[in-house]
Amino acid sequence: MNEYVNFLNKLVPMTEEEKLEVLECTSEKTYKKGEVIYSKGEICTHILFVLSGYGRSYSLDMNRREFTWNLNFNDQHSLFGNFFIFDFSSFLAQEPTELYIEAITDMKVIRMSYIEMKMLYIKNLKYRDAGRLLAEYAYYSMQKRSLTLLTMTAEARYEQMLTEQPQLLQKFQQYYIASYLGITPQSLSRLRSNCNSNI
Protein backbone atom coordinates (compact mmCIF):
# COMPACT_ATOMS: atom_id res chain seq x y z
CA MET A 1 0.00 0.00 0.00
CA ASN A 2 1.22 3.51 -0.69
CA GLU A 3 1.61 6.26 1.86
CA TYR A 4 -1.56 8.09 0.81
CA VAL A 5 -3.66 4.97 1.42
CA ASN A 6 -1.97 4.50 4.81
CA PHE A 7 -2.72 8.14 5.66
CA LEU A 8 -6.41 7.66 4.84
CA ASN A 9 -6.52 4.37 6.73
CA LYS A 10 -5.47 6.19 9.90
CA LEU A 11 -8.47 8.51 9.48
CA VAL A 12 -10.97 5.77 8.64
CA PRO A 13 -9.81 2.14 8.96
CA MET A 14 -10.47 0.23 5.73
CA THR A 15 -10.49 -3.41 4.70
CA GLU A 16 -7.75 -4.67 2.39
CA GLU A 17 -10.24 -4.66 -0.48
CA GLU A 18 -11.22 -1.05 0.21
CA LYS A 19 -7.57 0.00 0.41
CA LEU A 20 -6.87 -1.74 -2.88
CA GLU A 21 -9.73 0.17 -4.54
CA VAL A 22 -8.13 3.45 -3.45
CA LEU A 23 -4.66 2.29 -4.49
CA GLU A 24 -5.85 1.47 -8.00
CA CYS A 25 -7.02 5.09 -8.43
CA THR A 26 -3.65 6.63 -7.54
CA SER A 27 -0.39 7.18 -9.38
CA GLU A 28 3.00 8.69 -8.56
CA LYS A 29 4.43 11.76 -10.26
CA THR A 30 7.70 13.65 -9.88
CA TYR A 31 8.16 17.41 -10.24
CA LYS A 32 11.48 19.17 -10.73
CA LYS A 33 12.76 21.99 -8.52
CA GLY A 34 11.09 25.25 -9.60
CA GLU A 35 8.42 23.50 -11.66
CA VAL A 36 5.00 25.15 -11.56
CA ILE A 37 2.41 22.47 -10.82
CA TYR A 38 -0.62 24.74 -11.25
CA SER A 39 -0.83 28.37 -12.34
CA LYS A 40 -3.50 30.92 -11.51
CA GLY A 41 -6.50 30.37 -13.75
CA GLU A 42 -6.01 26.62 -14.08
CA ILE A 43 -8.34 24.08 -12.50
CA CYS A 44 -6.80 21.75 -9.92
CA THR A 45 -7.74 18.39 -11.40
CA HIS A 46 -5.87 16.14 -8.95
CA ILE A 47 -5.40 15.59 -5.25
CA LEU A 48 -1.64 15.78 -4.68
CA PHE A 49 -0.23 14.09 -1.57
CA VAL A 50 3.44 14.89 -0.88
CA LEU A 51 5.79 11.93 -0.55
CA SER A 52 9.11 13.79 -0.56
CA GLY A 53 10.50 17.25 -1.22
CA TYR A 54 9.19 20.73 -0.46
CA GLY A 55 6.58 22.86 -2.19
CA ARG A 56 4.32 25.82 -1.66
CA SER A 57 1.21 27.61 -2.89
CA TYR A 58 1.25 31.39 -3.29
CA SER A 59 -0.57 34.35 -4.79
CA LEU A 60 0.56 37.68 -6.25
CA ASP A 61 -0.79 41.05 -5.17
CA MET A 62 -1.34 44.04 -7.47
CA ASN A 63 2.35 44.95 -7.19
CA ARG A 64 3.42 41.39 -8.09
CA ARG A 65 4.60 40.69 -4.56
CA GLU A 66 4.36 37.06 -3.55
CA PHE A 67 2.28 35.91 -0.59
CA THR A 68 2.75 32.28 0.42
CA TRP A 69 -0.51 30.63 1.45
CA ASN A 70 0.90 27.25 2.45
CA LEU A 71 4.18 25.33 2.78
CA ASN A 72 4.21 21.65 1.94
CA PHE A 73 6.32 18.68 3.07
CA ASN A 74 5.90 15.23 4.57
CA ASP A 75 7.61 14.13 7.76
CA GLN A 76 6.82 13.49 11.41
CA HIS A 77 6.35 17.23 12.00
CA SER A 78 3.80 17.76 9.23
CA LEU A 79 0.40 19.20 10.05
CA PHE A 80 -2.61 18.28 7.93
CA GLY A 81 -2.18 21.14 5.48
CA ASN A 82 1.48 20.32 4.85
CA PHE A 83 0.73 16.93 3.29
CA PHE A 84 -1.44 18.18 0.42
CA ILE A 85 -0.14 20.52 -2.29
CA PHE A 86 -3.16 21.65 -4.27
CA ASP A 87 -6.01 24.16 -3.97
CA PHE A 88 -8.87 22.39 -2.17
CA SER A 89 -11.41 25.02 -3.26
CA SER A 90 -10.44 24.77 -6.92
CA PHE A 91 -10.43 20.97 -6.78
CA LEU A 92 -13.78 20.54 -5.04
CA ALA A 93 -15.60 23.15 -7.15
CA GLN A 94 -13.63 22.38 -10.34
CA GLU A 95 -13.12 26.12 -10.78
CA PRO A 96 -9.94 28.05 -11.68
CA THR A 97 -7.50 28.52 -8.82
CA GLU A 98 -6.29 31.92 -7.63
CA LEU A 99 -2.99 30.36 -6.55
CA TYR A 100 0.32 29.37 -8.07
CA ILE A 101 1.55 26.00 -6.84
CA GLU A 102 5.20 25.10 -7.26
CA ALA A 103 7.88 22.63 -6.27
CA ILE A 104 10.60 24.36 -4.22
CA THR A 105 12.79 21.25 -4.46
CA ASP A 106 12.44 18.08 -6.50
CA MET A 107 9.16 16.58 -5.31
CA LYS A 108 7.42 13.24 -5.52
CA VAL A 109 3.65 13.09 -5.01
CA ILE A 110 0.77 10.63 -5.16
CA ARG A 111 -2.06 11.83 -7.39
CA MET A 112 -5.76 11.08 -7.67
CA SER A 113 -8.01 12.79 -10.20
CA TYR A 114 -11.31 14.48 -9.41
CA ILE A 115 -13.16 11.94 -11.57
CA GLU A 116 -11.50 9.01 -9.79
CA MET A 117 -12.38 10.53 -6.41
CA LYS A 118 -16.04 10.88 -7.42
CA MET A 119 -16.14 7.28 -8.65
CA LEU A 120 -14.63 6.06 -5.38
CA TYR A 121 -17.19 8.02 -3.36
CA ILE A 122 -19.92 5.94 -5.02
CA LYS A 123 -18.44 2.48 -4.48
CA ASN A 124 -16.24 2.91 -1.39
CA LEU A 125 -18.10 4.31 1.63
CA LYS A 126 -14.99 4.28 3.83
CA TYR A 127 -13.16 6.45 1.31
CA ARG A 128 -16.16 8.78 1.21
CA ASP A 129 -15.99 9.08 5.01
CA ALA A 130 -12.27 9.82 4.78
CA GLY A 131 -12.97 12.43 2.10
CA ARG A 132 -15.51 14.12 4.35
CA LEU A 133 -12.95 14.30 7.15
CA LEU A 134 -10.36 15.72 4.75
CA ALA A 135 -12.82 18.41 3.67
CA GLU A 136 -13.52 19.26 7.32
CA TYR A 137 -9.80 19.49 8.10
CA ALA A 138 -9.27 21.63 5.00
CA TYR A 139 -12.03 24.03 6.06
CA TYR A 140 -10.64 24.24 9.60
CA SER A 141 -7.11 24.87 8.34
CA MET A 142 -8.27 27.51 5.87
CA GLN A 143 -10.33 29.36 8.47
CA LYS A 144 -7.51 29.28 11.02
CA ARG A 145 -5.01 30.54 8.45
CA SER A 146 -7.34 33.36 7.37
CA LEU A 147 -8.04 34.49 10.94
CA THR A 148 -4.35 34.38 11.78
CA LEU A 149 -3.59 36.78 8.93
CA LEU A 150 -6.55 39.05 9.63
CA THR A 151 -6.38 39.36 13.41
CA MET A 152 -2.78 38.78 14.53
CA THR A 153 0.19 41.10 14.46
CA ALA A 154 3.32 40.01 12.62
CA GLU A 155 4.99 39.28 15.95
CA ALA A 156 2.05 37.14 17.09
CA ARG A 157 2.05 35.22 13.80
CA TYR A 158 5.76 34.56 14.17
CA GLU A 159 5.34 33.38 17.76
CA GLN A 160 2.48 31.12 16.71
CA MET A 161 4.68 29.56 14.05
CA LEU A 162 7.46 28.99 16.61
CA THR A 163 4.96 27.25 18.88
CA GLU A 164 3.16 25.14 16.29
CA GLN A 165 5.76 24.55 13.56
CA PRO A 166 9.25 25.70 14.58
CA GLN A 167 10.77 23.23 12.10
CA LEU A 168 9.69 25.47 9.20
CA LEU A 169 12.69 27.69 9.96
CA GLN A 170 15.03 24.76 9.29
CA LYS A 171 13.20 23.49 6.21
CA PHE A 172 12.50 26.67 4.21
CA GLN A 173 14.51 29.71 3.19
CA GLN A 174 13.88 32.96 5.04
CA TYR A 175 12.24 34.44 1.93
CA TYR A 176 9.51 31.77 1.98
CA ILE A 177 8.99 32.07 5.74
CA ALA A 178 8.60 35.84 5.48
CA SER A 179 6.17 35.47 2.59
CA TYR A 180 4.20 32.91 4.60
CA LEU A 181 3.97 35.31 7.55
CA GLY A 182 2.97 38.20 5.28
CA ILE A 183 6.05 40.30 6.05
CA THR A 184 9.33 41.26 4.37
CA PRO A 185 12.54 39.26 4.93
CA GLN A 186 13.94 42.31 6.73
CA SER A 187 11.00 42.32 9.16
CA LEU A 188 11.49 38.60 9.76
CA SER A 189 15.16 39.19 10.58
CA ARG A 190 14.15 41.80 13.15
CA LEU A 191 11.57 39.48 14.70
CA ARG A 192 14.12 36.68 14.97
CA SER A 193 16.68 39.02 16.52
CA ASN A 194 14.14 40.31 19.05
CA CYS A 195 13.09 36.79 20.01
CA ASN A 196 16.70 35.66 20.38
CA SER A 197 17.55 38.66 22.56
CA ASN A 198 14.62 37.85 24.86
CA ILE A 199 15.77 34.28 25.48
C-alpha atoms as a PDB file:
ATOM      1  CA  MET A   1       0.000   0.000   0.000  1.00  0.00           C
ATOM      2  CA  ASN A   2       1.224   3.512  -0.688  1.00  0.00           C
ATOM      3  CA  GLU A   3       1.612   6.262   1.864  1.00  0.00           C
ATOM      4  CA  TYR A   4      -1.564   8.093   0.814  1.00  0.00           C
ATOM      5  CA  VAL A   5      -3.658   4.971   1.424  1.00  0.00           C
ATOM      6  CA  ASN A   6      -1.971   4.505   4.810  1.00  0.00           C
ATOM      7  CA  PHE A   7      -2.715   8.143   5.659  1.00  0.00           C
ATOM      8  CA  LEU A   8      -6.413   7.660   4.841  1.00  0.00           C
ATOM      9  CA  ASN A   9      -6.524   4.374   6.730  1.00  0.00           C
ATOM     10  CA  LYS A  10      -5.472   6.195   9.900  1.00  0.00           C
ATOM     11  CA  LEU A  11      -8.466   8.511   9.476  1.00  0.00           C
ATOM     12  CA  VAL A  12     -10.967   5.772   8.640  1.00  0.00           C
ATOM     13  CA  PRO A  13      -9.810   2.137   8.957  1.00  0.00           C
ATOM     14  CA  MET A  14     -10.469   0.227   5.725  1.00  0.00           C
ATOM     15  CA  THR A  15     -10.489  -3.408   4.698  1.00  0.00           C
ATOM     16  CA  GLU A  16      -7.747  -4.673   2.387  1.00  0.00           C
ATOM     17  CA  GLU A  17     -10.236  -4.663  -0.485  1.00  0.00           C
ATOM     18  CA  GLU A  18     -11.219  -1.051   0.214  1.00  0.00           C
ATOM     19  CA  LYS A  19      -7.568  -0.001   0.410  1.00  0.00           C
ATOM     20  CA  LEU A  20      -6.870  -1.736  -2.883  1.00  0.00           C
ATOM     21  CA  GLU A  21      -9.731   0.173  -4.542  1.00  0.00           C
ATOM     22  CA  VAL A  22      -8.125   3.445  -3.452  1.00  0.00           C
ATOM     23  CA  LEU A  23      -4.664   2.288  -4.485  1.00  0.00           C
ATOM     24  CA  GLU A  24      -5.853   1.470  -8.003  1.00  0.00           C
ATOM     25  CA  CYS A  25      -7.015   5.087  -8.434  1.00  0.00           C
ATOM     26  CA  THR A  26      -3.652   6.630  -7.542  1.00  0.00           C
ATOM     27  CA  SER A  27      -0.393   7.179  -9.377  1.00  0.00           C
ATOM     28  CA  GLU A  28       3.002   8.693  -8.561  1.00  0.00           C
ATOM     29  CA  LYS A  29       4.427  11.760 -10.263  1.00  0.00           C
ATOM     30  CA  THR A  30       7.705  13.646  -9.885  1.00  0.00           C
ATOM     31  CA  TYR A  31       8.163  17.410 -10.239  1.00  0.00           C
ATOM     32  CA  LYS A  32      11.485  19.169 -10.731  1.00  0.00           C
ATOM     33  CA  LYS A  33      12.758  21.994  -8.523  1.00  0.00           C
ATOM     34  CA  GLY A  34      11.090  25.248  -9.597  1.00  0.00           C
ATOM     35  CA  GLU A  35       8.419  23.499 -11.664  1.00  0.00           C
ATOM     36  CA  VAL A  36       4.999  25.146 -11.562  1.00  0.00           C
ATOM     37  CA  ILE A  37       2.407  22.470 -10.824  1.00  0.00           C
ATOM     38  CA  TYR A  38      -0.618  24.737 -11.248  1.00  0.00           C
ATOM     39  CA  SER A  39      -0.829  28.371 -12.340  1.00  0.00           C
ATOM     40  CA  LYS A  40      -3.504  30.922 -11.508  1.00  0.00           C
ATOM     41  CA  GLY A  41      -6.504  30.373 -13.751  1.00  0.00           C
ATOM     42  CA  GLU A  42      -6.007  26.622 -14.078  1.00  0.00           C
ATOM     43  CA  ILE A  43      -8.339  24.083 -12.502  1.00  0.00           C
ATOM     44  CA  CYS A  44      -6.805  21.752  -9.923  1.00  0.00           C
ATOM     45  CA  THR A  45      -7.739  18.387 -11.401  1.00  0.00           C
ATOM     46  CA  HIS A  46      -5.872  16.144  -8.950  1.00  0.00           C
ATOM     47  CA  ILE A  47      -5.398  15.589  -5.249  1.00  0.00           C
ATOM     48  CA  LEU A  48      -1.637  15.783  -4.679  1.00  0.00           C
ATOM     49  CA  PHE A  49      -0.229  14.092  -1.571  1.00  0.00           C
ATOM     50  CA  VAL A  50       3.436  14.889  -0.879  1.00  0.00           C
ATOM     51  CA  LEU A  51       5.787  11.930  -0.552  1.00  0.00           C
ATOM     52  CA  SER A  52       9.107  13.788  -0.564  1.00  0.00           C
ATOM     53  CA  GLY A  53      10.501  17.248  -1.219  1.00  0.00           C
ATOM     54  CA  TYR A  54       9.190  20.733  -0.461  1.00  0.00           C
ATOM     55  CA  GLY A  55       6.584  22.860  -2.189  1.00  0.00           C
ATOM     56  CA  ARG A  56       4.324  25.822  -1.662  1.00  0.00           C
ATOM     57  CA  SER A  57       1.209  27.613  -2.894  1.00  0.00           C
ATOM     58  CA  TYR A  58       1.253  31.388  -3.291  1.00  0.00           C
ATOM     59  CA  SER A  59      -0.566  34.352  -4.787  1.00  0.00           C
ATOM     60  CA  LEU A  60       0.558  37.677  -6.247  1.00  0.00           C
ATOM     61  CA  ASP A  61      -0.791  41.048  -5.167  1.00  0.00           C
ATOM     62  CA  MET A  62      -1.341  44.036  -7.468  1.00  0.00           C
ATOM     63  CA  ASN A  63       2.347  44.946  -7.193  1.00  0.00           C
ATOM     64  CA  ARG A  64       3.416  41.386  -8.089  1.00  0.00           C
ATOM     65  CA  ARG A  65       4.602  40.695  -4.559  1.00  0.00           C
ATOM     66  CA  GLU A  66       4.356  37.059  -3.546  1.00  0.00           C
ATOM     67  CA  PHE A  67       2.278  35.911  -0.593  1.00  0.00           C
ATOM     68  CA  THR A  68       2.752  32.278   0.424  1.00  0.00           C
ATOM     69  CA  TRP A  69      -0.505  30.629   1.448  1.00  0.00           C
ATOM     70  CA  ASN A  70       0.900  27.250   2.453  1.00  0.00           C
ATOM     71  CA  LEU A  71       4.177  25.333   2.781  1.00  0.00           C
ATOM     72  CA  ASN A  72       4.210  21.647   1.940  1.00  0.00           C
ATOM     73  CA  PHE A  73       6.317  18.680   3.068  1.00  0.00           C
ATOM     74  CA  ASN A  74       5.895  15.228   4.567  1.00  0.00           C
ATOM     75  CA  ASP A  75       7.613  14.129   7.756  1.00  0.00           C
ATOM     76  CA  GLN A  76       6.822  13.486  11.410  1.00  0.00           C
ATOM     77  CA  HIS A  77       6.354  17.226  12.005  1.00  0.00           C
ATOM     78  CA  SER A  78       3.801  17.760   9.231  1.00  0.00           C
ATOM     79  CA  LEU A  79       0.396  19.200  10.052  1.00  0.00           C
ATOM     80  CA  PHE A  80      -2.612  18.278   7.928  1.00  0.00           C
ATOM     81  CA  GLY A  81      -2.178  21.137   5.478  1.00  0.00           C
ATOM     82  CA  ASN A  82       1.483  20.320   4.845  1.00  0.00           C
ATOM     83  CA  PHE A  83       0.733  16.929   3.290  1.00  0.00           C
ATOM     84  CA  PHE A  84      -1.436  18.185   0.421  1.00  0.00           C
ATOM     85  CA  ILE A  85      -0.137  20.519  -2.294  1.00  0.00           C
ATOM     86  CA  PHE A  86      -3.164  21.653  -4.272  1.00  0.00           C
ATOM     87  CA  ASP A  87      -6.009  24.164  -3.968  1.00  0.00           C
ATOM     88  CA  PHE A  88      -8.871  22.388  -2.175  1.00  0.00           C
ATOM     89  CA  SER A  89     -11.409  25.022  -3.262  1.00  0.00           C
ATOM     90  CA  SER A  90     -10.443  24.766  -6.924  1.00  0.00           C
ATOM     91  CA  PHE A  91     -10.430  20.971  -6.779  1.00  0.00           C
ATOM     92  CA  LEU A  92     -13.777  20.538  -5.035  1.00  0.00           C
ATOM     93  CA  ALA A  93     -15.597  23.147  -7.150  1.00  0.00           C
ATOM     94  CA  GLN A  94     -13.632  22.384 -10.336  1.00  0.00           C
ATOM     95  CA  GLU A  95     -13.123  26.115 -10.779  1.00  0.00           C
ATOM     96  CA  PRO A  96      -9.943  28.055 -11.676  1.00  0.00           C
ATOM     97  CA  THR A  97      -7.505  28.521  -8.819  1.00  0.00           C
ATOM     98  CA  GLU A  98      -6.287  31.916  -7.630  1.00  0.00           C
ATOM     99  CA  LEU A  99      -2.991  30.361  -6.548  1.00  0.00           C
ATOM    100  CA  TYR A 100       0.317  29.373  -8.072  1.00  0.00           C
ATOM    101  CA  ILE A 101       1.545  25.999  -6.843  1.00  0.00           C
ATOM    102  CA  GLU A 102       5.203  25.102  -7.255  1.00  0.00           C
ATOM    103  CA  ALA A 103       7.883  22.627  -6.266  1.00  0.00           C
ATOM    104  CA  ILE A 104      10.603  24.358  -4.218  1.00  0.00           C
ATOM    105  CA  THR A 105      12.788  21.250  -4.464  1.00  0.00           C
ATOM    106  CA  ASP A 106      12.437  18.084  -6.499  1.00  0.00           C
ATOM    107  CA  MET A 107       9.162  16.576  -5.315  1.00  0.00           C
ATOM    108  CA  LYS A 108       7.419  13.236  -5.516  1.00  0.00           C
ATOM    109  CA  VAL A 109       3.650  13.086  -5.012  1.00  0.00           C
ATOM    110  CA  ILE A 110       0.772  10.632  -5.157  1.00  0.00           C
ATOM    111  CA  ARG A 111      -2.059  11.828  -7.393  1.00  0.00           C
ATOM    112  CA  MET A 112      -5.759  11.078  -7.670  1.00  0.00           C
ATOM    113  CA  SER A 113      -8.007  12.792 -10.201  1.00  0.00           C
ATOM    114  CA  TYR A 114     -11.314  14.479  -9.408  1.00  0.00           C
ATOM    115  CA  ILE A 115     -13.158  11.937 -11.573  1.00  0.00           C
ATOM    116  CA  GLU A 116     -11.496   9.012  -9.787  1.00  0.00           C
ATOM    117  CA  MET A 117     -12.377  10.534  -6.415  1.00  0.00           C
ATOM    118  CA  LYS A 118     -16.044  10.875  -7.418  1.00  0.00           C
ATOM    119  CA  MET A 119     -16.140   7.280  -8.646  1.00  0.00           C
ATOM    120  CA  LEU A 120     -14.626   6.064  -5.378  1.00  0.00           C
ATOM    121  CA  TYR A 121     -17.192   8.019  -3.361  1.00  0.00           C
ATOM    122  CA  ILE A 122     -19.916   5.938  -5.018  1.00  0.00           C
ATOM    123  CA  LYS A 123     -18.436   2.477  -4.477  1.00  0.00           C
ATOM    124  CA  ASN A 124     -16.240   2.912  -1.386  1.00  0.00           C
ATOM    125  CA  LEU A 125     -18.095   4.309   1.628  1.00  0.00           C
ATOM    126  CA  LYS A 126     -14.987   4.281   3.832  1.00  0.00           C
ATOM    127  CA  TYR A 127     -13.161   6.454   1.313  1.00  0.00           C
ATOM    128  CA  ARG A 128     -16.156   8.782   1.206  1.00  0.00           C
ATOM    129  CA  ASP A 129     -15.993   9.080   5.010  1.00  0.00           C
ATOM    130  CA  ALA A 130     -12.266   9.821   4.780  1.00  0.00           C
ATOM    131  CA  GLY A 131     -12.970  12.426   2.096  1.00  0.00           C
ATOM    132  CA  ARG A 132     -15.512  14.118   4.346  1.00  0.00           C
ATOM    133  CA  LEU A 133     -12.950  14.297   7.153  1.00  0.00           C
ATOM    134  CA  LEU A 134     -10.355  15.717   4.753  1.00  0.00           C
ATOM    135  CA  ALA A 135     -12.818  18.408   3.674  1.00  0.00           C
ATOM    136  CA  GLU A 136     -13.523  19.265   7.318  1.00  0.00           C
ATOM    137  CA  TYR A 137      -9.803  19.492   8.098  1.00  0.00           C
ATOM    138  CA  ALA A 138      -9.272  21.632   5.004  1.00  0.00           C
ATOM    139  CA  TYR A 139     -12.028  24.026   6.059  1.00  0.00           C
ATOM    140  CA  TYR A 140     -10.644  24.239   9.595  1.00  0.00           C
ATOM    141  CA  SER A 141      -7.111  24.874   8.344  1.00  0.00           C
ATOM    142  CA  MET A 142      -8.272  27.506   5.866  1.00  0.00           C
ATOM    143  CA  GLN A 143     -10.329  29.361   8.472  1.00  0.00           C
ATOM    144  CA  LYS A 144      -7.506  29.279  11.023  1.00  0.00           C
ATOM    145  CA  ARG A 145      -5.008  30.539   8.449  1.00  0.00           C
ATOM    146  CA  SER A 146      -7.338  33.359   7.372  1.00  0.00           C
ATOM    147  CA  LEU A 147      -8.044  34.488  10.942  1.00  0.00           C
ATOM    148  CA  THR A 148      -4.349  34.385  11.784  1.00  0.00           C
ATOM    149  CA  LEU A 149      -3.589  36.776   8.929  1.00  0.00           C
ATOM    150  CA  LEU A 150      -6.552  39.054   9.633  1.00  0.00           C
ATOM    151  CA  THR A 151      -6.381  39.356  13.411  1.00  0.00           C
ATOM    152  CA  MET A 152      -2.777  38.779  14.528  1.00  0.00           C
ATOM    153  CA  THR A 153       0.194  41.099  14.464  1.00  0.00           C
ATOM    154  CA  ALA A 154       3.322  40.010  12.616  1.00  0.00           C
ATOM    155  CA  GLU A 155       4.994  39.278  15.946  1.00  0.00           C
ATOM    156  CA  ALA A 156       2.054  37.139  17.086  1.00  0.00           C
ATOM    157  CA  ARG A 157       2.051  35.220  13.798  1.00  0.00           C
ATOM    158  CA  TYR A 158       5.764  34.560  14.166  1.00  0.00           C
ATOM    159  CA  GLU A 159       5.343  33.383  17.763  1.00  0.00           C
ATOM    160  CA  GLN A 160       2.476  31.122  16.711  1.00  0.00           C
ATOM    161  CA  MET A 161       4.679  29.561  14.050  1.00  0.00           C
ATOM    162  CA  LEU A 162       7.456  28.993  16.607  1.00  0.00           C
ATOM    163  CA  THR A 163       4.957  27.251  18.880  1.00  0.00           C
ATOM    164  CA  GLU A 164       3.158  25.142  16.288  1.00  0.00           C
ATOM    165  CA  GLN A 165       5.757  24.546  13.557  1.00  0.00           C
ATOM    166  CA  PRO A 166       9.252  25.700  14.580  1.00  0.00           C
ATOM    167  CA  GLN A 167      10.767  23.233  12.095  1.00  0.00           C
ATOM    168  CA  LEU A 168       9.685  25.471   9.202  1.00  0.00           C
ATOM    169  CA  LEU A 169      12.687  27.688   9.964  1.00  0.00           C
ATOM    170  CA  GLN A 170      15.026  24.762   9.290  1.00  0.00           C
ATOM    171  CA  LYS A 171      13.201  23.495   6.205  1.00  0.00           C
ATOM    172  CA  PHE A 172      12.500  26.666   4.214  1.00  0.00           C
ATOM    173  CA  GLN A 173      14.514  29.713   3.191  1.00  0.00           C
ATOM    174  CA  GLN A 174      13.880  32.963   5.042  1.00  0.00           C
ATOM    175  CA  TYR A 175      12.241  34.443   1.932  1.00  0.00           C
ATOM    176  CA  TYR A 176       9.513  31.771   1.978  1.00  0.00           C
ATOM    177  CA  ILE A 177       8.992  32.066   5.737  1.00  0.00           C
ATOM    178  CA  ALA A 178       8.600  35.845   5.482  1.00  0.00           C
ATOM    179  CA  SER A 179       6.174  35.472   2.587  1.00  0.00           C
ATOM    180  CA  TYR A 180       4.199  32.910   4.605  1.00  0.00           C
ATOM    181  CA  LEU A 181       3.970  35.312   7.552  1.00  0.00           C
ATOM    182  CA  GLY A 182       2.973  38.199   5.285  1.00  0.00           C
ATOM    183  CA  ILE A 183       6.049  40.300   6.046  1.00  0.00           C
ATOM    184  CA  THR A 184       9.327  41.263   4.370  1.00  0.00           C
ATOM    185  CA  PRO A 185      12.537  39.260   4.927  1.00  0.00           C
ATOM    186  CA  GLN A 186      13.944  42.309   6.735  1.00  0.00           C
ATOM    187  CA  SER A 187      11.005  42.316   9.161  1.00  0.00           C
ATOM    188  CA  LEU A 188      11.490  38.603   9.758  1.00  0.00           C
ATOM    189  CA  SER A 189      15.160  39.190  10.581  1.00  0.00           C
ATOM    190  CA  ARG A 190      14.150  41.805  13.151  1.00  0.00           C
ATOM    191  CA  LEU A 191      11.573  39.476  14.700  1.00  0.00           C
ATOM    192  CA  ARG A 192      14.120  36.681  14.968  1.00  0.00           C
ATOM    193  CA  SER A 193      16.681  39.023  16.521  1.00  0.00           C
ATOM    194  CA  ASN A 194      14.143  40.310  19.045  1.00  0.00           C
ATOM    195  CA  CYS A 195      13.089  36.790  20.006  1.00  0.00           C
ATOM    196  CA  ASN A 196      16.703  35.657  20.377  1.00  0.00           C
ATOM    197  CA  SER A 197      17.547  38.662  22.556  1.00  0.00           C
ATOM    198  CA  ASN A 198      14.619  37.849  24.863  1.00  0.00           C
ATOM    199  CA  ILE A 199      15.767  34.283  25.477  1.00  0.00           C
END
